[in-house]
Amino acid sequence: MLLAEIVPTWYLLPLAMVISLVYSASRYELPDVILRRAFRLCVTILTAMLLAFAVLWILSYKL
């Protein structure tokens, strides 16, 4: 598979993971806490993106 064929939507997962890790690492010092909080934040970010996608998809249905 060529890199040009990758759907840009798949970049959301690593982007959310990196944002979560960097944000958590800047707020906490213990690696255990960083990973736990980063996981929760990543799930929160992905859930918000999924809900936004669902709302936009429903609103644009049959336009």
Protein backbone atom coordinates (compact mmCIF):
# COMPACT_ATOMS: atom_id res chain seq x y z
CA MET A 1 0.00 0.00 0.00
CA LEU A 2 1.32 3.40 -0.91
CA LEU A 3 1.33 6.17 1.65
CA ALA A 4 -0.75 8.29 -0.72
CA GLU A 5 -3.57 5.75 -0.50
CA ILE A 6 -3.94 5.97 3.28
CA VAL A 7 -7.12 7.72 4.34
CA PRO A 8 -6.23 10.81 6.42
CA THR A 9 -8.84 9.81 9.00
CA TRP A 10 -6.52 7.06 10.22
CA TYR A 11 -4.11 9.74 11.44
CA LEU A 12 -6.60 10.62 14.20
CA LEU A 13 -5.65 7.64 16.36
CA PRO A 14 -1.89 8.30 16.58
CA LEU A 15 -2.56 12.03 16.85
CA ALA A 16 -4.88 11.53 19.81
CA MET A 17 -2.37 9.18 21.43
CA VAL A 18 0.53 11.63 21.05
CA ILE A 19 -1.51 14.58 22.29
CA SER A 20 -2.63 12.56 25.31
CA LEU A 21 0.88 11.41 26.17
CA VAL A 22 2.45 14.85 25.83
CA TYR A 23 -0.31 16.54 27.82
CA SER A 24 -0.19 13.93 30.58
CA ALA A 25 3.60 13.97 30.72
CA SER A 26 3.57 17.73 31.16
CA ARG A 27 1.20 17.47 34.11
CA TYR A 28 2.41 14.38 35.98
CA GLU A 29 5.78 12.86 36.85
CA LEU A 30 5.13 9.21 37.64
CA PRO A 31 5.12 6.99 34.54
CA ASP A 32 2.25 4.92 35.90
CA VAL A 33 0.06 7.99 36.34
CA ILE A 34 1.11 9.40 32.97
CA LEU A 35 0.07 6.26 31.11
CA ARG A 36 -3.20 5.89 33.01
CA ARG A 37 -4.21 9.51 32.46
CA ALA A 38 -3.03 9.46 28.84
CA PHE A 39 -5.19 6.43 28.13
CA ARG A 40 -8.25 8.08 29.66
CA LEU A 41 -7.62 11.31 27.77
CA CYS A 42 -7.10 9.44 24.50
CA VAL A 43 -10.41 7.62 24.95
CA THR A 44 -12.11 10.93 25.76
CA ILE A 45 -10.66 12.61 22.66
CA LEU A 46 -11.62 9.72 20.39
CA THR A 47 -15.13 9.57 21.87
CA ALA A 48 -15.62 13.29 21.29
CA MET A 49 -14.40 12.94 17.71
CA LEU A 50 -16.70 9.99 17.13
CA LEU A 51 -19.69 11.88 18.52
CA ALA A 52 -18.88 14.93 16.38
CA PHE A 53 -18.57 12.69 13.33
CA ALA A 54 -21.90 11.01 14.10
CA VAL A 55 -23.69 14.34 14.52
CA LEU A 56 -22.25 15.71 11.29
CA TRP A 57 -23.05 12.50 9.45
CA ILE A 58 -26.65 12.54 10.66
CA LEU A 59 -27.08 16.21 9.79
CA SER A 60 -25.64 15.74 6.31
CA TYR A 61 -27.59 12.58 5.51
CA LYS A 62 -29.44 12.90 2.19
CA LEU A 63 -28.23 16.40 1.42
